[in-house]
Amino acid sequence: MADACDHDDCHTPPGSGSLGIPQVGTFDPAAFERAVNAMLVACGIAPDSVHTGRTAERVRELWQKRLLGGYAIEPAVALGEGFADDRDDMVVVRGIAVHGVCPHHLVPFRGVAHVAY
């Protein structure tokens, strides 16, 4: 299957200490909800119907907490302090859930990571 991405840097990992995506400020919940409502209107969907009345709020919460929330966490804080260990065994961790958002298409993705060192 062909890769849908048409950018040269799609699969290039971000630079050290950065997402590789320029930021212009902090997350703006009100602006995000307005944008979701505008997108619904652009798609021909009424943003204030019984089915979509809280869609902008729900989408904002998903993006703010689940899809983008981890980017604000410092890895050292999340990982905590290490510990001394004199063993020479290999460490293998399997089944680490990962998720994110493609910055080119704004499509959420999820996967599973396995790490050995």
N, C-alpha and C. Protein backbone atom coordinates (compact mmCIF):
# COMPACT_ATOMS: atom_id res chain seq x y z
N MET A 1 0.84 -1.17 0.00
CA MET A 1 0.00 0.00 0.00
C MET A 1 0.89 1.24 0.00
N ALA A 2 0.59 2.19 -0.84
CA ALA A 2 1.39 3.40 -0.95
C ALA A 2 1.15 4.30 0.26
N ASP A 3 2.20 5.01 0.64
CA ASP A 3 2.11 5.96 1.74
C ASP A 3 1.33 7.18 1.27
N ALA A 4 0.33 7.58 2.04
CA ALA A 4 -0.51 8.71 1.66
C ALA A 4 0.19 10.05 1.88
N CYS A 5 1.31 10.04 2.55
CA CYS A 5 1.99 11.28 2.86
C CYS A 5 2.78 11.78 1.66
N ASP A 6 2.64 13.06 1.35
CA ASP A 6 3.35 13.62 0.20
C ASP A 6 4.43 14.61 0.63
N HIS A 7 4.89 14.51 1.86
CA HIS A 7 5.93 15.40 2.36
C HIS A 7 7.21 14.61 2.54
N ASP A 8 8.35 15.27 2.29
CA ASP A 8 9.64 14.61 2.41
C ASP A 8 9.97 14.23 3.85
N ASP A 9 9.45 15.00 4.82
CA ASP A 9 9.84 14.79 6.20
C ASP A 9 8.83 14.01 7.03
N CYS A 10 7.91 13.30 6.38
CA CYS A 10 6.84 12.60 7.10
C CYS A 10 7.35 11.64 8.16
N HIS A 11 8.40 10.96 7.86
CA HIS A 11 8.85 9.90 8.75
C HIS A 11 10.18 10.24 9.41
N THR A 12 10.52 11.51 9.40
CA THR A 12 11.73 11.96 10.06
C THR A 12 11.40 12.30 11.50
N PRO A 13 12.12 11.69 12.45
CA PRO A 13 11.83 11.99 13.84
C PRO A 13 12.13 13.46 14.15
N PRO A 14 11.40 14.06 15.08
CA PRO A 14 11.66 15.45 15.43
C PRO A 14 13.03 15.62 16.05
N GLY A 15 13.52 16.84 16.02
CA GLY A 15 14.83 17.14 16.58
C GLY A 15 14.84 16.96 18.09
N SER A 16 16.03 16.92 18.62
CA SER A 16 16.20 16.72 20.05
C SER A 16 15.53 17.84 20.84
N GLY A 17 14.73 17.47 21.82
CA GLY A 17 14.09 18.44 22.68
C GLY A 17 12.96 19.21 22.03
N SER A 18 12.44 18.75 20.92
CA SER A 18 11.40 19.49 20.24
C SER A 18 10.46 18.55 19.54
N LEU A 19 9.27 19.03 19.28
CA LEU A 19 8.30 18.25 18.52
C LEU A 19 8.62 18.29 17.04
N GLY A 20 9.45 19.25 16.63
CA GLY A 20 9.70 19.43 15.22
C GLY A 20 8.60 20.23 14.55
N ILE A 21 7.63 20.69 15.33
CA ILE A 21 6.50 21.45 14.82
C ILE A 21 6.51 22.81 15.52
N PRO A 22 6.64 23.90 14.75
CA PRO A 22 6.65 25.22 15.39
C PRO A 22 5.36 25.49 16.14
N GLN A 23 5.48 26.07 17.32
CA GLN A 23 4.30 26.43 18.10
C GLN A 23 4.17 27.94 18.15
N VAL A 24 2.93 28.44 18.15
CA VAL A 24 2.69 29.88 18.18
C VAL A 24 2.07 30.34 19.49
N GLY A 25 1.87 29.45 20.40
CA GLY A 25 1.27 29.79 21.69
C GLY A 25 0.80 28.55 22.40
N THR A 26 -0.06 28.75 23.38
CA THR A 26 -0.60 27.63 24.14
C THR A 26 -1.97 27.24 23.59
N PHE A 27 -2.45 26.10 24.03
CA PHE A 27 -3.75 25.60 23.59
C PHE A 27 -4.84 26.58 24.02
N ASP A 28 -5.72 26.95 23.10
CA ASP A 28 -6.81 27.90 23.36
C ASP A 28 -8.14 27.14 23.24
N PRO A 29 -8.71 26.69 24.35
CA PRO A 29 -9.93 25.88 24.30
C PRO A 29 -11.09 26.54 23.57
N ALA A 30 -11.33 27.82 23.83
CA ALA A 30 -12.45 28.51 23.18
C ALA A 30 -12.24 28.60 21.67
N ALA A 31 -11.03 28.95 21.25
CA ALA A 31 -10.74 29.04 19.82
C ALA A 31 -10.85 27.67 19.16
N PHE A 32 -10.43 26.63 19.87
CA PHE A 32 -10.51 25.27 19.32
C PHE A 32 -11.97 24.89 19.09
N GLU A 33 -12.82 25.15 20.06
CA GLU A 33 -14.24 24.81 19.92
C GLU A 33 -14.89 25.61 18.79
N ARG A 34 -14.52 26.88 18.65
CA ARG A 34 -15.05 27.67 17.53
C ARG A 34 -14.61 27.07 16.20
N ALA A 35 -13.36 26.62 16.14
CA ALA A 35 -12.85 26.02 14.91
C ALA A 35 -13.58 24.72 14.57
N VAL A 36 -13.88 23.91 15.57
CA VAL A 36 -14.63 22.66 15.33
C VAL A 36 -16.02 22.99 14.81
N ASN A 37 -16.67 23.96 15.42
CA ASN A 37 -18.00 24.36 14.93
C ASN A 37 -17.92 24.88 13.50
N ALA A 38 -16.89 25.67 13.19
CA ALA A 38 -16.72 26.19 11.83
C ALA A 38 -16.49 25.05 10.85
N MET A 39 -15.74 24.03 11.27
CA MET A 39 -15.50 22.87 10.40
C MET A 39 -16.81 22.13 10.14
N LEU A 40 -17.62 21.96 11.17
CA LEU A 40 -18.91 21.30 10.97
C LEU A 40 -19.76 22.07 9.96
N VAL A 41 -19.81 23.38 10.10
CA VAL A 41 -20.57 24.22 9.16
C VAL A 41 -20.00 24.07 7.76
N ALA A 42 -18.66 24.07 7.63
CA ALA A 42 -18.02 23.92 6.32
C ALA A 42 -18.35 22.58 5.69
N CYS A 43 -18.66 21.59 6.52
CA CYS A 43 -19.03 20.26 6.01
C CYS A 43 -20.54 20.16 5.77
N GLY A 44 -21.26 21.23 6.04
CA GLY A 44 -22.70 21.21 5.84
C GLY A 44 -23.47 20.60 6.99
N ILE A 45 -22.85 20.54 8.16
CA ILE A 45 -23.48 19.93 9.34
C ILE A 45 -23.82 21.03 10.34
N ALA A 46 -25.04 21.01 10.85
CA ALA A 46 -25.45 22.00 11.84
C ALA A 46 -24.76 21.71 13.17
N PRO A 47 -23.97 22.65 13.69
CA PRO A 47 -23.24 22.39 14.94
C PRO A 47 -24.11 22.49 16.20
N ASP A 48 -25.36 22.86 16.04
CA ASP A 48 -26.21 23.05 17.21
C ASP A 48 -27.43 22.12 17.23
N SER A 49 -27.33 21.00 16.53
CA SER A 49 -28.44 20.05 16.53
C SER A 49 -28.40 19.21 17.81
N VAL A 50 -29.42 18.41 18.01
CA VAL A 50 -29.47 17.55 19.19
C VAL A 50 -28.28 16.58 19.21
N HIS A 51 -27.79 16.21 18.04
CA HIS A 51 -26.69 15.25 17.96
C HIS A 51 -25.32 15.91 18.04
N THR A 52 -25.22 17.16 17.61
CA THR A 52 -23.91 17.82 17.53
C THR A 52 -23.76 19.00 18.48
N GLY A 53 -24.72 19.22 19.35
CA GLY A 53 -24.70 20.37 20.24
C GLY A 53 -23.48 20.46 21.14
N ARG A 54 -22.92 19.33 21.54
CA ARG A 54 -21.72 19.32 22.40
C ARG A 54 -20.51 18.73 21.68
N THR A 55 -20.61 18.59 20.36
CA THR A 55 -19.51 17.99 19.61
C THR A 55 -18.23 18.79 19.76
N ALA A 56 -18.30 20.10 19.63
CA ALA A 56 -17.09 20.93 19.73
C ALA A 56 -16.42 20.75 21.09
N GLU A 57 -17.22 20.69 22.15
CA GLU A 57 -16.68 20.50 23.50
C GLU A 57 -16.02 19.13 23.63
N ARG A 58 -16.69 18.10 23.11
CA ARG A 58 -16.15 16.73 23.21
C ARG A 58 -14.87 16.58 22.40
N VAL A 59 -14.85 17.16 21.20
CA VAL A 59 -13.65 17.07 20.35
C VAL A 59 -12.51 17.83 21.01
N ARG A 60 -12.80 19.01 21.55
CA ARG A 60 -11.76 19.79 22.25
C ARG A 60 -11.18 19.01 23.42
N GLU A 61 -12.04 18.39 24.21
CA GLU A 61 -11.56 17.63 25.36
C GLU A 61 -10.68 16.46 24.92
N LEU A 62 -11.09 15.76 23.87
CA LEU A 62 -10.29 14.65 23.35
C LEU A 62 -8.91 15.13 22.92
N TRP A 63 -8.88 16.19 22.11
CA TRP A 63 -7.59 16.69 21.61
C TRP A 63 -6.75 17.26 22.75
N GLN A 64 -7.35 18.05 23.61
CA GLN A 64 -6.59 18.72 24.66
C GLN A 64 -6.02 17.73 25.67
N LYS A 65 -6.82 16.77 26.09
CA LYS A 65 -6.38 15.85 27.14
C LYS A 65 -5.69 14.60 26.61
N ARG A 66 -6.26 13.98 25.58
CA ARG A 66 -5.77 12.68 25.14
C ARG A 66 -4.72 12.76 24.03
N LEU A 67 -4.95 13.62 23.05
CA LEU A 67 -4.07 13.63 21.89
C LEU A 67 -2.89 14.59 22.04
N LEU A 68 -3.08 15.71 22.71
CA LEU A 68 -2.01 16.70 22.84
C LEU A 68 -1.49 16.84 24.27
N GLY A 69 -2.19 16.31 25.24
CA GLY A 69 -1.83 16.51 26.63
C GLY A 69 -0.44 16.06 27.02
N GLY A 70 0.03 15.00 26.44
CA GLY A 70 1.34 14.47 26.80
C GLY A 70 2.51 15.32 26.36
N TYR A 71 2.30 16.18 25.35
CA TYR A 71 3.40 17.00 24.86
C TYR A 71 3.85 18.03 25.89
N ALA A 72 3.02 18.36 26.84
CA ALA A 72 3.37 19.35 27.85
C ALA A 72 4.11 18.73 29.04
N ILE A 73 4.20 17.42 29.07
CA ILE A 73 4.84 16.73 30.19
C ILE A 73 6.34 16.60 29.93
N GLU A 74 7.13 16.99 30.91
CA GLU A 74 8.58 16.80 30.81
C GLU A 74 8.89 15.32 31.02
N PRO A 75 9.63 14.70 30.10
CA PRO A 75 9.93 13.27 30.25
C PRO A 75 10.58 12.93 31.59
N ALA A 76 11.50 13.76 32.07
CA ALA A 76 12.19 13.47 33.33
C ALA A 76 11.20 13.45 34.49
N VAL A 77 10.21 14.31 34.45
CA VAL A 77 9.19 14.34 35.51
C VAL A 77 8.32 13.09 35.43
N ALA A 78 7.92 12.72 34.21
CA ALA A 78 7.06 11.55 34.03
C ALA A 78 7.78 10.27 34.42
N LEU A 79 9.07 10.18 34.11
CA LEU A 79 9.82 8.96 34.38
C LEU A 79 10.29 8.87 35.82
N GLY A 80 10.46 9.99 36.49
CA GLY A 80 10.93 9.98 37.86
C GLY A 80 12.42 9.69 37.93
N GLU A 81 12.88 9.43 39.13
CA GLU A 81 14.30 9.16 39.32
C GLU A 81 14.59 7.70 39.01
N GLY A 82 15.76 7.47 38.45
CA GLY A 82 16.18 6.11 38.17
C GLY A 82 16.67 5.42 39.43
N PHE A 83 17.24 4.27 39.24
CA PHE A 83 17.77 3.54 40.38
C PHE A 83 18.99 2.76 39.93
N ALA A 84 19.87 2.48 40.85
CA ALA A 84 21.08 1.72 40.55
C ALA A 84 20.74 0.24 40.44
N ASP A 85 21.36 -0.40 39.47
CA ASP A 85 21.15 -1.84 39.29
C ASP A 85 22.41 -2.41 38.67
N ASP A 86 23.02 -3.37 39.34
CA ASP A 86 24.29 -3.93 38.89
C ASP A 86 24.14 -5.08 37.89
N ARG A 87 22.91 -5.45 37.59
CA ARG A 87 22.71 -6.58 36.68
C ARG A 87 23.10 -6.21 35.25
N ASP A 88 23.49 -7.22 34.49
CA ASP A 88 23.85 -7.03 33.08
C ASP A 88 22.81 -7.61 32.14
N ASP A 89 21.68 -8.03 32.68
CA ASP A 89 20.64 -8.64 31.85
C ASP A 89 20.03 -7.63 30.89
N MET A 90 19.49 -8.15 29.81
CA MET A 90 18.77 -7.30 28.88
C MET A 90 17.40 -6.97 29.48
N VAL A 91 16.97 -5.74 29.29
CA VAL A 91 15.65 -5.31 29.73
C VAL A 91 14.76 -5.24 28.50
N VAL A 92 13.62 -5.89 28.56
CA VAL A 92 12.67 -5.89 27.44
C VAL A 92 11.30 -5.49 27.99
N VAL A 93 10.74 -4.47 27.38
CA VAL A 93 9.39 -4.03 27.75
C VAL A 93 8.55 -4.10 26.49
N ARG A 94 7.46 -4.83 26.57
CA ARG A 94 6.59 -5.02 25.41
C ARG A 94 5.21 -4.44 25.68
N GLY A 95 4.53 -4.11 24.59
CA GLY A 95 3.14 -3.70 24.68
C GLY A 95 2.90 -2.32 25.24
N ILE A 96 3.80 -1.38 24.96
CA ILE A 96 3.62 -0.01 25.43
C ILE A 96 2.66 0.70 24.47
N ALA A 97 1.52 1.12 24.97
CA ALA A 97 0.54 1.82 24.12
C ALA A 97 1.06 3.21 23.78
N VAL A 98 1.00 3.57 22.52
CA VAL A 98 1.39 4.91 22.07
C VAL A 98 0.27 5.48 21.20
N HIS A 99 0.14 6.79 21.21
CA HIS A 99 -0.82 7.44 20.33
C HIS A 99 -0.35 8.85 20.03
N GLY A 100 -0.85 9.40 18.96
CA GLY A 100 -0.47 10.74 18.55
C GLY A 100 -1.36 11.22 17.42
N VAL A 101 -0.92 12.30 16.80
CA VAL A 101 -1.67 12.90 15.70
C VAL A 101 -0.70 13.21 14.58
N CYS A 102 -1.02 12.78 13.37
CA CYS A 102 -0.22 13.12 12.20
C CYS A 102 -0.31 14.63 12.00
N PRO A 103 0.82 15.36 12.02
CA PRO A 103 0.75 16.81 11.88
C PRO A 103 0.40 17.27 10.47
N HIS A 104 0.52 16.40 9.49
CA HIS A 104 0.23 16.78 8.11
C HIS A 104 -1.24 16.59 7.76
N HIS A 105 -1.89 15.62 8.38
CA HIS A 105 -3.27 15.29 8.02
C HIS A 105 -4.24 15.41 9.19
N LEU A 106 -3.72 15.67 10.40
CA LEU A 106 -4.52 15.76 11.62
C LEU A 106 -5.34 14.51 11.89
N VAL A 107 -4.76 13.37 11.54
CA VAL A 107 -5.42 12.08 11.77
C VAL A 107 -4.80 11.43 13.00
N PRO A 108 -5.60 11.10 14.00
CA PRO A 108 -5.06 10.40 15.16
C PRO A 108 -4.58 8.99 14.77
N PHE A 109 -3.54 8.54 15.45
CA PHE A 109 -3.07 7.18 15.24
C PHE A 109 -2.75 6.58 16.60
N ARG A 110 -2.72 5.25 16.63
CA ARG A 110 -2.30 4.57 17.84
C ARG A 110 -1.52 3.33 17.45
N GLY A 111 -0.71 2.88 18.37
CA GLY A 111 0.10 1.71 18.08
C GLY A 111 0.64 1.11 19.37
N VAL A 112 1.55 0.19 19.20
CA VAL A 112 2.17 -0.50 20.32
C VAL A 112 3.67 -0.48 20.10
N ALA A 113 4.41 -0.11 21.14
CA ALA A 113 5.87 -0.06 21.06
C ALA A 113 6.48 -1.16 21.91
N HIS A 114 7.62 -1.64 21.47
CA HIS A 114 8.40 -2.62 22.22
C HIS A 114 9.82 -2.07 22.33
N VAL A 115 10.39 -2.10 23.53
CA VAL A 115 11.72 -1.54 23.76
C VAL A 115 12.60 -2.60 24.41
N ALA A 116 13.83 -2.67 23.92
CA ALA A 116 14.81 -3.58 24.53
C ALA A 116 16.14 -2.84 24.62
N TYR A 117 16.79 -2.99 25.75
CA TYR A 117 18.11 -2.38 25.92
C TYR A 117 18.94 -3.18 26.89
